[in-house]
PDB file of N, CA and C in Angstrom:
ATOM      1  N   UNK A   1       1.083  -1.047   0.012  1.00  0.00           N
ATOM      2  CA  UNK A   1      -0.121   0.007   0.012  1.00  0.00           C
ATOM      3  C   UNK A   1       0.578   1.572  -0.232  1.00  0.00           C
ATOM      4  N   UNK A   2       0.909   2.473  -0.993  1.00  0.00           N
ATOM      5  CA  UNK A   2       1.326   3.310  -1.117  1.00  0.00           C
ATOM      6  C   UNK A   2       0.418   5.040  -0.443  1.00  0.00           C
ATOM      7  N   UNK A   3       1.132   5.337   0.047  1.00  0.00           N
ATOM      8  CA  UNK A   3      -0.045   6.931   0.423  1.00  0.00           C
ATOM      9  C   UNK A   3      -0.063   7.960  -1.375  1.00  0.00           C
ATOM     10  N   UNK A   4      -1.000   8.403  -1.486  1.00  0.00           N
ATOM     11  CA  UNK A   4      -0.826   9.403  -2.448  1.00  0.00           C
ATOM     12  C   UNK A   4      -1.558  10.722  -2.163  1.00  0.00           C
ATOM     13  N   UNK A   5      -1.129  11.237  -2.833  1.00  0.00           N
ATOM     14  CA  UNK A   5      -1.400  12.921  -2.397  1.00  0.00           C
ATOM     15  C   UNK A   5      -1.848  13.302  -4.070  1.00  0.00           C
ATOM     16  N   UNK A   6      -2.682  14.405  -4.501  1.00  0.00           N
ATOM     17  CA  UNK A   6      -3.359  15.017  -5.561  1.00  0.00           C
ATOM     18  C   UNK A   6      -2.658  16.411  -5.293  1.00  0.00           C
ATOM     19  N   UNK A   7      -2.002  16.674  -6.401  1.00  0.00           N
ATOM     20  CA  UNK A   7      -1.540  18.132  -6.692  1.00  0.00           C
ATOM     21  C   UNK A   7      -2.147  18.779  -8.284  1.00  0.00           C
ATOM     22  N   UNK A   8      -1.929  19.847  -8.377  1.00  0.00           N
ATOM     23  CA  UNK A   8      -2.688  20.707  -9.289  1.00  0.00           C
ATOM     24  C   UNK A   8      -1.148  20.807 -10.486  1.00  0.00           C
ATOM     25  N   UNK A   9      -0.337  21.238  -9.437  1.00  0.00           N
ATOM     26  CA  UNK A   9       1.414  21.192 -10.089  1.00  0.00           C
ATOM     27  C   UNK A   9       2.208  20.682  -9.985  1.00  0.00           C
ATOM     28  N   UNK A  10       2.599  19.622  -9.891  1.00  0.00           N
ATOM     29  CA  UNK A  10       3.063  18.561  -9.364  1.00  0.00           C
ATOM     30  C   UNK A  10       4.521  18.913  -9.369  1.00  0.00           C
ATOM     31  N   UNK A  11       5.550  19.268  -9.998  1.00  0.00           N
ATOM     32  CA  UNK A  11       6.272  20.594  -9.670  1.00  0.00           C
ATOM     33  C   UNK A  11       6.869  20.623  -8.870  1.00  0.00           C
ATOM     34  N   UNK A  12       5.830  21.939  -9.091  1.00  0.00           N
ATOM     35  CA  UNK A  12       5.529  22.750  -7.672  1.00  0.00           C
ATOM     36  C   UNK A  12       5.330  21.941  -5.590  1.00  0.00           C
ATOM     37  N   UNK A  13       4.639  21.235  -6.415  1.00  0.00           N
ATOM     38  CA  UNK A  13       4.812  20.355  -5.606  1.00  0.00           C
ATOM     39  C   UNK A  13       6.013  19.517  -4.784  1.00  0.00           C
ATOM     40  N   UNK A  14       6.481  19.032  -5.916  1.00  0.00           N
ATOM     41  CA  UNK A  14       7.784  18.021  -5.657  1.00  0.00           C
ATOM     42  C   UNK A  14       8.861  19.647  -4.852  1.00  0.00           C
ATOM     43  N   UNK A  15       8.701  20.388  -5.542  1.00  0.00           N
ATOM     44  CA  UNK A  15       9.739  21.336  -5.023  1.00  0.00           C
ATOM     45  C   UNK A  15       9.809  21.905  -3.237  1.00  0.00           C
ATOM     46  N   UNK A  16       8.364  22.288  -3.057  1.00  0.00           N
ATOM     47  CA  UNK A  16       7.844  22.150  -1.982  1.00  0.00           C
ATOM     48  C   UNK A  16       8.443  20.526  -0.135  1.00  0.00           C
ATOM     49  N   UNK A  17       8.470  19.497  -1.415  1.00  0.00           N
ATOM     50  CA  UNK A  17       7.521  18.381  -0.451  1.00  0.00           C
ATOM     51  C   UNK A  17       9.168  17.826  -0.376  1.00  0.00           C
ATOM     52  N   UNK A  18      10.443  18.430  -1.345  1.00  0.00           N
ATOM     53  CA  UNK A  18      11.769  18.311  -0.560  1.00  0.00           C
ATOM     54  C   UNK A  18      12.392  18.603   0.049  1.00  0.00           C
ATOM     55  N   UNK A  19      12.597  20.190  -0.456  1.00  0.00           N
ATOM     56  CA  UNK A  19      12.796  21.375   1.152  1.00  0.00           C
ATOM     57  C   UNK A  19      12.110  21.686   1.957  1.00  0.00           C
ATOM     58  N   UNK A  20      10.831  21.217   1.710  1.00  0.00           N
ATOM     59  CA  UNK A  20      10.064  21.620   3.420  1.00  0.00           C
ATOM     60  C   UNK A  20      10.041  20.411   4.496  1.00  0.00           C
ATOM     61  N   UNK A  21       9.661  19.334   3.440  1.00  0.00           N
ATOM     62  CA  UNK A  21       9.840  17.659   4.336  1.00  0.00           C
ATOM     63  C   UNK A  21      11.335  16.836   4.384  1.00  0.00           C
ATOM     64  N   UNK A  22      12.185  17.745   3.262  1.00  0.00           N
ATOM     65  CA  UNK A  22      13.454  16.851   3.214  1.00  0.00           C
ATOM     66  C   UNK A  22      13.010  15.486   1.823  1.00  0.00           C
ATOM     67  N   UNK A  23      11.730  14.946   1.288  1.00  0.00           N
ATOM     68  CA  UNK A  23      11.668  14.234   0.998  1.00  0.00           C
ATOM     69  C   UNK A  23      12.338  13.979  -0.657  1.00  0.00           C
ATOM     70  N   UNK A  24      12.773  12.878  -1.034  1.00  0.00           N
ATOM     71  CA  UNK A  24      13.702  12.965  -2.209  1.00  0.00           C
ATOM     72  C   UNK A  24      12.835  11.877  -3.341  1.00  0.00           C
ATOM     73  N   UNK A  25      13.099  12.414  -4.080  1.00  0.00           N
ATOM     74  CA  UNK A  25      12.327  12.092  -5.760  1.00  0.00           C
ATOM     75  C   UNK A  25      13.517  10.359  -6.127  1.00  0.00           C
ATOM     76  N   UNK A  26      12.612   9.503  -6.273  1.00  0.00           N
ATOM     77  CA  UNK A  26      12.583   8.685  -6.566  1.00  0.00           C
ATOM     78  C   UNK A  26      12.213   8.269  -7.131  1.00  0.00           C
ATOM     79  N   UNK A  27      11.546   8.310  -9.036  1.00  0.00           N
ATOM     80  CA  UNK A  27      11.044   8.990 -10.279  1.00  0.00           C
ATOM     81  C   UNK A  27      10.060   9.807 -10.443  1.00  0.00           C
ATOM     82  N   UNK A  28      10.088   9.806 -11.708  1.00  0.00           N
ATOM     83  CA  UNK A  28       9.495  11.436 -12.166  1.00  0.00           C
ATOM     84  C   UNK A  28       9.186  11.091 -13.571  1.00  0.00           C
ATOM     85  N   UNK A  29       7.797  11.452 -13.864  1.00  0.00           N
ATOM     86  CA  UNK A  29       6.904  10.942 -15.557  1.00  0.00           C
ATOM     87  C   UNK A  29       6.038  12.501 -15.216  1.00  0.00           C
ATOM     88  N   UNK A  30       6.816  12.951 -16.975  1.00  0.00           N
ATOM     89  CA  UNK A  30       6.367  14.037 -17.947  1.00  0.00           C
ATOM     90  C   UNK A  30       5.430  13.855 -19.141  1.00  0.00           C
ATOM     91  N   UNK A  31       5.030  14.606 -18.958  1.00  0.00           N
ATOM     92  CA  UNK A  31       3.912  13.962 -20.430  1.00  0.00           C
ATOM     93  C   UNK A  31       4.608  14.234 -21.596  1.00  0.00           C
ATOM     94  N   UNK A  32       3.692  14.215 -22.538  1.00  0.00           N
ATOM     95  CA  UNK A  32       4.356  15.290 -23.356  1.00  0.00           C
ATOM     96  C   UNK A  32       4.928  17.004 -24.288  1.00  0.00           C
ATOM     97  N   UNK A  33       3.950  17.367 -22.859  1.00  0.00           N
ATOM     98  CA  UNK A  33       4.198  19.131 -22.995  1.00  0.00           C
ATOM     99  C   UNK A  33       5.389  19.239 -21.612  1.00  0.00           C
ATOM    100  N   UNK A  34       5.967  18.169 -20.779  1.00  0.00           N
ATOM    101  CA  UNK A  34       7.348  18.304 -20.155  1.00  0.00           C
ATOM    102  C   UNK A  34       6.835  18.642 -18.680  1.00  0.00           C
ATOM    103  N   UNK A  35       4.920  18.141 -18.294  1.00  0.00           N
ATOM    104  CA  UNK A  35       4.737  18.834 -17.239  1.00  0.00           C
ATOM    105  C   UNK A  35       4.193  17.471 -16.268  1.00  0.00           C
ATOM    106  N   UNK A  36       4.887  17.201 -15.253  1.00  0.00           N
ATOM    107  CA  UNK A  36       5.701  16.080 -14.736  1.00  0.00           C
ATOM    108  C   UNK A  36       3.561  16.026 -14.163  1.00  0.00           C
ATOM    109  N   UNK A  37       3.688  14.414 -14.385  1.00  0.00           N
ATOM    110  CA  UNK A  37       1.798  14.257 -13.726  1.00  0.00           C
ATOM    111  C   UNK A  37       2.228  13.417 -12.894  1.00  0.00           C
ATOM    112  N   UNK A  38       3.031  12.409 -12.653  1.00  0.00           N
ATOM    113  CA  UNK A  38       3.257  11.347 -11.705  1.00  0.00           C
ATOM    114  C   UNK A  38       4.679  11.903 -11.160  1.00  0.00           C
ATOM    115  N   UNK A  39       4.483  11.430  -9.630  1.00  0.00           N
ATOM    116  CA  UNK A  39       6.101  11.273  -9.028  1.00  0.00           C
ATOM    117  C   UNK A  39       5.794  10.455  -7.710  1.00  0.00           C
ATOM    118  N   UNK A  40       7.824   9.564  -7.585  1.00  0.00           N
ATOM    119  CA  UNK A  40       7.411   8.834  -6.213  1.00  0.00           C
ATOM    120  C   UNK A  40       8.593   9.918  -5.541  1.00  0.00           C
ATOM    121  N   UNK A  41       8.057   9.636  -3.777  1.00  0.00           N
ATOM    122  CA  UNK A  41       8.738  10.662  -3.232  1.00  0.00           C
ATOM    123  C   UNK A  41       9.476   9.565  -2.248  1.00  0.00           C
ATOM    124  N   UNK A  42      10.830   9.738  -2.122  1.00  0.00           N
ATOM    125  CA  UNK A  42      11.688   8.484  -0.806  1.00  0.00           C
ATOM    126  C   UNK A  42      10.510   9.657   0.355  1.00  0.00           C
ATOM    127  N   UNK A  43      10.547   9.031   1.788  1.00  0.00           N
ATOM    128  CA  UNK A  43      10.511   9.071   2.784  1.00  0.00           C
ATOM    129  C   UNK A  43      11.085   7.934   3.744  1.00  0.00           C
ATOM    130  N   UNK A  44      12.606   8.153   4.125  1.00  0.00           N
ATOM    131  CA  UNK A  44      13.412   7.436   4.312  1.00  0.00           C
ATOM    132  C   UNK A  44      12.858   6.006   3.441  1.00  0.00           C
ATOM    133  N   UNK A  45      13.070   4.796   3.820  1.00  0.00           N
ATOM    134  CA  UNK A  45      12.535   3.553   2.965  1.00  0.00           C
ATOM    135  C   UNK A  45      11.392   3.382   2.267  1.00  0.00           C
ATOM    136  N   UNK A  46      10.410   4.266   2.920  1.00  0.00           N
ATOM    137  CA  UNK A  46       9.468   4.607   2.313  1.00  0.00           C
ATOM    138  C   UNK A  46       8.672   4.881   1.320  1.00  0.00           C
ATOM    139  N   UNK A  47       7.422   4.912   0.111  1.00  0.00           N
ATOM    140  CA  UNK A  47       7.194   6.101  -1.052  1.00  0.00           C
ATOM    141  C   UNK A  47       6.183   6.629  -0.582  1.00  0.00           C
ATOM    142  N   UNK A  48       5.857   7.929  -0.997  1.00  0.00           N
ATOM    143  CA  UNK A  48       4.678   8.548  -1.171  1.00  0.00           C
ATOM    144  C   UNK A  48       4.566   8.422  -2.785  1.00  0.00           C
ATOM    145  N   UNK A  49       3.487   8.874  -3.352  1.00  0.00           N
ATOM    146  CA  UNK A  49       2.914   9.025  -4.419  1.00  0.00           C
ATOM    147  C   UNK A  49       1.532  10.127  -4.441  1.00  0.00           C
ATOM    148  N   UNK A  50       2.460  11.542  -5.693  1.00  0.00           N
ATOM    149  CA  UNK A  50       2.146  12.110  -6.103  1.00  0.00           C
ATOM    150  C   UNK A  50       1.602  12.176  -7.673  1.00  0.00           C
ATOM    151  N   UNK A  51       0.625  12.712  -7.864  1.00  0.00           N
ATOM    152  CA  UNK A  51      -0.233  12.789  -8.564  1.00  0.00           C
ATOM    153  C   UNK A  51      -1.132  14.198  -9.151  1.00  0.00           C
ATOM    154  N   UNK A  52      -1.007  14.085 -10.288  1.00  0.00           N
ATOM    155  CA  UNK A  52      -2.473  15.466 -10.900  1.00  0.00           C
ATOM    156  C   UNK A  52      -3.391  15.102 -10.836  1.00  0.00           C
ATOM    157  N   UNK A  53      -4.264  16.083  -9.767  1.00  0.00           N
ATOM    158  CA  UNK A  53      -5.471  15.797  -9.679  1.00  0.00           C
ATOM    159  C   UNK A  53      -6.445  17.302  -8.537  1.00  0.00           C
ATOM    160  N   UNK A  54      -6.895  16.609  -8.355  1.00  0.00           N
ATOM    161  CA  UNK A  54      -7.753  17.919  -7.451  1.00  0.00           C
ATOM    162  C   UNK A  54      -7.342  17.512  -5.792  1.00  0.00           C
ATOM    163  N   UNK A  55      -6.394  18.243  -4.982  1.00  0.00           N
ATOM    164  CA  UNK A  55      -6.051  18.377  -3.756  1.00  0.00           C
ATOM    165  C   UNK A  55      -6.874  18.087  -2.767  1.00  0.00           C
ATOM    166  N   UNK A  56      -6.586  17.137  -1.888  1.00  0.00           N
ATOM    167  CA  UNK A  56      -7.758  16.548  -0.599  1.00  0.00           C
ATOM    168  C   UNK A  56      -7.322  15.417   0.014  1.00  0.00           C
ATOM    169  N   UNK A  57      -8.352  15.572   0.904  1.00  0.00           N
ATOM    170  CA  UNK A  57      -8.973  13.835   1.272  1.00  0.00           C
ATOM    171  C   UNK A  57      -8.016  13.786   2.566  1.00  0.00           C
ATOM    172  N   UNK A  58      -8.385  12.787   3.439  1.00  0.00           N
ATOM    173  CA  UNK A  58      -7.337  12.968   4.541  1.00  0.00           C
ATOM    174  C   UNK A  58      -6.531  13.460   5.613  1.00  0.00           C
ATOM    175  N   UNK A  59      -5.568  13.269   4.433  1.00  0.00           N
ATOM    176  CA  UNK A  59      -3.935  13.772   5.310  1.00  0.00           C
ATOM    177  C   UNK A  59      -3.336  12.488   5.218  1.00  0.00           C
ATOM    178  N   UNK A  60      -1.964  12.644   5.071  1.00  0.00           N
ATOM    179  CA  UNK A  60      -1.072  11.760   5.693  1.00  0.00           C
ATOM    180  C   UNK A  60      -0.036  11.933   6.602  1.00  0.00           C
ATOM    181  N   UNK A  61       0.018  10.834   6.986  1.00  0.00           N
ATOM    182  CA  UNK A  61       1.302  10.653   7.881  1.00  0.00           C
ATOM    183  C   UNK A  61       2.652  10.054   7.935  1.00  0.00           C
ATOM    184  N   UNK A  62       3.521  10.563   8.270  1.00  0.00           N
ATOM    185  CA  UNK A  62       4.573  10.495   8.160  1.00  0.00           C
ATOM    186  C   UNK A  62       5.739  10.341   9.848  1.00  0.00           C
ATOM    187  N   UNK A  63       5.973   8.675  10.283  1.00  0.00           N
ATOM    188  CA  UNK A  63       6.977   8.862  11.545  1.00  0.00           C
ATOM    189  C   UNK A  63       8.393   9.376  10.412  1.00  0.00           C
ATOM    190  N   UNK A  64       9.008  10.241  11.253  1.00  0.00           N
ATOM    191  CA  UNK A  64      10.083  10.682  11.079  1.00  0.00           C
ATOM    192  C   UNK A  64      11.213  10.772  12.681  1.00  0.00           C
ATOM    193  N   UNK A  65      12.113  10.670  12.501  1.00  0.00           N
ATOM    194  CA  UNK A  65      13.146  10.813  13.711  1.00  0.00           C
ATOM    195  C   UNK A  65      13.246  11.949  15.017  1.00  0.00           C
ATOM    196  N   UNK A  66      13.496  13.229  13.630  1.00  0.00           N
ATOM    197  CA  UNK A  66      13.817  14.280  14.814  1.00  0.00           C
ATOM    198  C   UNK A  66      12.516  15.332  14.306  1.00  0.00           C
ATOM    199  N   UNK A  67      10.906  14.899  14.882  1.00  0.00           N
ATOM    200  CA  UNK A  67       9.970  15.981  14.319  1.00  0.00           C
ATOM    201  C   UNK A  67      10.544  17.406  15.118  1.00  0.00           C
ATOM    202  N   UNK A  68      10.937  17.792  16.157  1.00  0.00           N
ATOM    203  CA  UNK A  68      10.840  19.119  16.487  1.00  0.00           C
ATOM    204  C   UNK A  68      12.089  19.757  15.198  1.00  0.00           C
ATOM    205  N   UNK A  69      13.045  18.741  14.599  1.00  0.00           N
ATOM    206  CA  UNK A  69      13.644  19.487  13.741  1.00  0.00           C
ATOM    207  C   UNK A  69      12.654  20.041  12.049  1.00  0.00           C
ATOM    208  N   UNK A  70      11.718  19.011  12.221  1.00  0.00           N
ATOM    209  CA  UNK A  70      11.472  18.203  11.185  1.00  0.00           C
ATOM    210  C   UNK A  70      10.163  20.284  11.200  1.00  0.00           C
ATOM    211  N   UNK A  71      10.127  19.801  12.174  1.00  0.00           N
ATOM    212  CA  UNK A  71       8.880  21.262  12.037  1.00  0.00           C
ATOM    213  C   UNK A  71       9.258  22.650  11.823  1.00  0.00           C
ATOM    214  N   UNK A  72      10.232  22.592  11.766  1.00  0.00           N
ATOM    215  CA  UNK A  72      10.953  23.782  12.379  1.00  0.00           C
ATOM    216  C   UNK A  72      11.409  24.875  10.605  1.00  0.00           C
ATOM    217  N   UNK A  73      11.764  22.970  10.311  1.00  0.00           N
ATOM    218  CA  UNK A  73      12.470  22.808   8.634  1.00  0.00           C
ATOM    219  C   UNK A  73      11.090  23.301   7.514  1.00  0.00           C
ATOM    220  N   UNK A  74      10.316  22.609   8.176  1.00  0.00           N
ATOM    221  CA  UNK A  74       8.650  22.907   7.639  1.00  0.00           C
ATOM    222  C   UNK A  74       8.395  24.366   7.318  1.00  0.00           C
ATOM    223  N   UNK A  75       8.240  25.358   8.724  1.00  0.00           N
ATOM    224  CA  UNK A  75       7.745  26.123   8.628  1.00  0.00           C
ATOM    225  C   UNK A  75       8.622  27.367   7.739  1.00  0.00           C
ATOM    226  N   UNK A  76       9.580  26.998   7.853  1.00  0.00           N
ATOM    227  CA  UNK A  76      10.834  28.053   7.686  1.00  0.00           C
ATOM    228  C   UNK A  76      10.624  27.815   6.025  1.00  0.00           C
ATOM    229  N   UNK A  77      10.283  26.376   5.047  1.00  0.00           N
ATOM    230  CA  UNK A  77       9.898  26.485   3.841  1.00  0.00           C
ATOM    231  C   UNK A  77       8.658  27.225   3.782  1.00  0.00           C
ATOM    232  N   UNK A  78       7.971  27.092   4.569  1.00  0.00           N
ATOM    233  CA  UNK A  78       6.386  27.720   4.345  1.00  0.00           C
ATOM    234  C   UNK A  78       4.927  27.100   4.398  1.00  0.00           C
ATOM    235  N   UNK A  79       5.433  25.803   5.110  1.00  0.00           N
ATOM    236  CA  UNK A  79       4.417  25.200   5.280  1.00  0.00           C
ATOM    237  C   UNK A  79       3.305  25.619   6.818  1.00  0.00           C
ATOM    238  N   UNK A  80       2.834  25.454   6.189  1.00  0.00           N
ATOM    239  CA  UNK A  80       1.142  26.720   7.067  1.00  0.00           C
ATOM    240  C   UNK A  80       0.692  25.404   8.339  1.00  0.00           C
ATOM    241  N   UNK A  81       1.610  25.141   9.207  1.00  0.00           N
ATOM    242  CA  UNK A  81       1.253  25.016  10.519  1.00  0.00           C
ATOM    243  C   UNK A  81      -0.174  24.673  10.895  1.00  0.00           C
ATOM    244  N   UNK A  82      -0.857  23.534  11.002  1.00  0.00           N
ATOM    245  CA  UNK A  82      -2.355  23.677  11.449  1.00  0.00           C
ATOM    246  C   UNK A  82      -2.595  22.934  12.510  1.00  0.00           C
ATOM    247  N   UNK A  83      -1.304  22.510  13.177  1.00  0.00           N
ATOM    248  CA  UNK A  83      -1.768  22.095  14.504  1.00  0.00           C
ATOM    249  C   UNK A  83       0.141  22.065  14.999  1.00  0.00           C
ATOM    250  N   UNK A  84       0.702  22.344  15.846  1.00  0.00           N
ATOM    251  CA  UNK A  84       1.542  22.681  16.703  1.00  0.00           C
ATOM    252  C   UNK A  84       2.099  21.339  17.553  1.00  0.00           C
ATOM    253  N   UNK A  85       3.762  21.183  17.857  1.00  0.00           N
ATOM    254  CA  UNK A  85       4.094  20.500  18.448  1.00  0.00           C
ATOM    255  C   UNK A  85       3.052  20.025  19.792  1.00  0.00           C
ATOM    256  N   UNK A  86       3.231  18.586  19.657  1.00  0.00           N
ATOM    257  CA  UNK A  86       2.248  17.987  21.198  1.00  0.00           C
ATOM    258  C   UNK A  86       2.728  16.664  21.318  1.00  0.00           C
ATOM    259  N   UNK A  87       3.014  16.805  22.641  1.00  0.00           N
ATOM    260  CA  UNK A  87       2.855  15.138  23.207  1.00  0.00           C
ATOM    261  C   UNK A  87       1.806  14.351  23.324  1.00  0.00           C
ATOM    262  N   UNK A  88       1.894  13.553  22.706  1.00  0.00           N
ATOM    263  CA  UNK A  88       0.280  12.871  22.844  1.00  0.00           C
ATOM    264  C   UNK A  88       0.588  11.653  23.294  1.00  0.00           C
ATOM    265  N   UNK A  89      -0.774  11.766  24.304  1.00  0.00           N
ATOM    266  CA  UNK A  89      -0.827  10.654  25.707  1.00  0.00           C
ATOM    267  C   UNK A  89      -0.555   9.028  24.897  1.00  0.00           C
ATOM    268  N   UNK A  90      -0.875   9.063  23.686  1.00  0.00           N
ATOM    269  CA  UNK A  90      -0.364   7.602  23.026  1.00  0.00           C
ATOM    270  C   UNK A  90       1.330   7.733  23.072  1.00  0.00           C
ATOM    271  N   UNK A  91       1.943   8.803  23.757  1.00  0.00           N
ATOM    272  CA  UNK A  91       3.818   8.270  22.790  1.00  0.00           C
ATOM    273  C   UNK A  91       4.312   9.067  21.410  1.00  0.00           C
ATOM    274  N   UNK A  92       3.695   9.514  21.046  1.00  0.00           N
ATOM    275  CA  UNK A  92       3.924  10.039  20.165  1.00  0.00           C
ATOM    276  C   UNK A  92       4.050  11.890  20.413  1.00  0.00           C
ATOM    277  N   UNK A  93       5.400  12.472  19.899  1.00  0.00           N
ATOM    278  CA  UNK A  93       5.468  13.691  19.710  1.00  0.00           C
ATOM    279  C   UNK A  93       4.609  14.049  18.076  1.00  0.00           C
ATOM    280  N   UNK A  94       4.527  14.895  17.996  1.00  0.00           N
ATOM    281  CA  UNK A  94       3.706  15.476  16.414  1.00  0.00           C
ATOM    282  C   UNK A  94       3.090  16.877  16.408  1.00  0.00           C
ATOM    283  N   UNK A  95       3.237  16.933  14.883  1.00  0.00           N
ATOM    284  CA  UNK A  95       2.399  18.180  14.920  1.00  0.00           C
ATOM    285  C   UNK A  95       2.528  18.244  13.287  1.00  0.00           C
ATOM    286  N   UNK A  96       1.447  19.016  12.830  1.00  0.00           N
ATOM    287  CA  UNK A  96       0.349  18.817  11.710  1.00  0.00           C
ATOM    288  C   UNK A  96       0.749  20.348  10.747  1.00  0.00           C
ATOM    289  N   UNK A  97       0.062  19.740   9.020  1.00  0.00           N
ATOM    290  CA  UNK A  97       0.294  20.988   8.163  1.00  0.00           C
ATOM    291  C   UNK A  97      -0.274  20.943   7.466  1.00  0.00           C
ATOM    292  N   UNK A  98      -0.391  22.654   6.372  1.00  0.00           N
ATOM    293  CA  UNK A  98      -1.150  22.284   5.153  1.00  0.00           C
ATOM    294  C   UNK A  98       0.104  22.953   4.352  1.00  0.00           C
ATOM    295  N   UNK A  99      -0.098  21.607   2.826  1.00  0.00           N
ATOM    296  CA  UNK A  99       1.178  21.951   2.116  1.00  0.00           C
ATOM    297  C   UNK A  99       0.344  23.519   0.850  1.00  0.00           C
ATOM    298  N   UNK A 100       1.151  24.082  -0.103  1.00  0.00           N
ATOM    299  CA  UNK A 100       0.545  25.036  -0.538  1.00  0.00           C
ATOM    300  C   UNK A 100      -0.546  24.877  -1.016  1.00  0.00           C
ATOM    301  N   UNK A 101      -0.426  23.762  -1.098  1.00  0.00           N
ATOM    302  CA  UNK A 101      -2.704  23.409  -2.172  1.00  0.00           C
ATOM    303  C   UNK A 101      -3.210  22.854  -1.200  1.00  0.00           C
ATOM    304  N   UNK A 102      -3.284  22.763   0.287  1.00  0.00           N
ATOM    305  CA  UNK A 102      -3.925  22.549   0.933  1.00  0.00           C
ATOM    306  C   UNK A 102      -3.917  21.166   1.641  1.00  0.00           C
ATOM    307  N   UNK A 103      -3.226  20.225   1.269  1.00  0.00           N
ATOM    308  CA  UNK A 103      -3.466  19.080   1.507  1.00  0.00           C
ATOM    309  C   UNK A 103      -2.746  19.042   2.848  1.00  0.00           C
ATOM    310  N   UNK A 104      -2.983  17.899   3.727  1.00  0.00           N
ATOM    311  CA  UNK A 104      -2.831  18.112   4.775  1.00  0.00           C
ATOM    312  C   UNK A 104      -1.322  16.393   5.389  1.00  0.00           C
ATOM    313  N   UNK A 105      -0.438  17.266   5.914  1.00  0.00           N
ATOM    314  CA  UNK A 105       0.455  16.675   6.511  1.00  0.00           C
ATOM    315  C   UNK A 105       0.968  15.971   8.073  1.00  0.00           C
ATOM    316  N   UNK A 106       0.869  15.481   8.476  1.00  0.00           N
ATOM    317  CA  UNK A 106       1.025  14.777   9.630  1.00  0.00           C
ATOM    318  C   UNK A 106       1.958  14.035   9.766  1.00  0.00           C
ATOM    319  N   UNK A 107       3.341  15.059  10.478  1.00  0.00           N
ATOM    320  CA  UNK A 107       4.675  14.277  11.493  1.00  0.00           C
ATOM    321  C   UNK A 107       4.953  14.275  12.051  1.00  0.00           C
ATOM    322  N   UNK A 108       5.220  12.343  12.656  1.00  0.00           N
ATOM    323  CA  UNK A 108       5.343  12.936  14.070  1.00  0.00           C
ATOM    324  C   UNK A 108       6.589  11.317  14.464  1.00  0.00           C
ATOM    325  N   UNK A 109       6.264  10.833  16.072  1.00  0.00           N
ATOM    326  CA  UNK A 109       7.577   9.524  16.225  1.00  0.00           C
ATOM    327  C   UNK A 109       6.778   8.350  16.523  1.00  0.00           C
ATOM    328  N   UNK A 110       5.454   8.579  15.997  1.00  0.00           N
ATOM    329  CA  UNK A 110       4.876   7.400  16.245  1.00  0.00           C
ATOM    330  C   UNK A 110       4.976   6.352  15.235  1.00  0.00           C
ATOM    331  N   UNK A 111       5.243   5.048  15.080  1.00  0.00           N
ATOM    332  CA  UNK A 111       5.297   4.216  14.467  1.00  0.00           C
ATOM    333  C   UNK A 111       5.284   2.885  14.696  1.00  0.00           C
ATOM    334  N   UNK A 112       3.054   2.742  14.607  1.00  0.00           N
ATOM    335  CA  UNK A 112       2.527   1.372  14.748  1.00  0.00           C
ATOM    336  C   UNK A 112       3.484  -0.092  14.150  1.00  0.00           C
TER     337      UNK A 112
END
């Protein structure tokens, strides 16, 4: 199973997600006009796919090692923080943000 997020401008999304969240591009596909319509981004050893379409949905949770540093990097890159860092009763430290197209992202230390 792979997480998928939709974007109207996939290249702008790639630029934001790699800069703000530290994701790495594994693969990127362009149409005949040179527009990115699909990409696979690495988050550690995991893959998140992005594709052209209408943004929105329930959101994506990504486990990270240093959530405080991740939060600071995302804020500095322009992510809209929708939930500040919080220690959850189930042992996770996490925060939430929205990317420039309004998709919800959740980052924390919880690993089921």
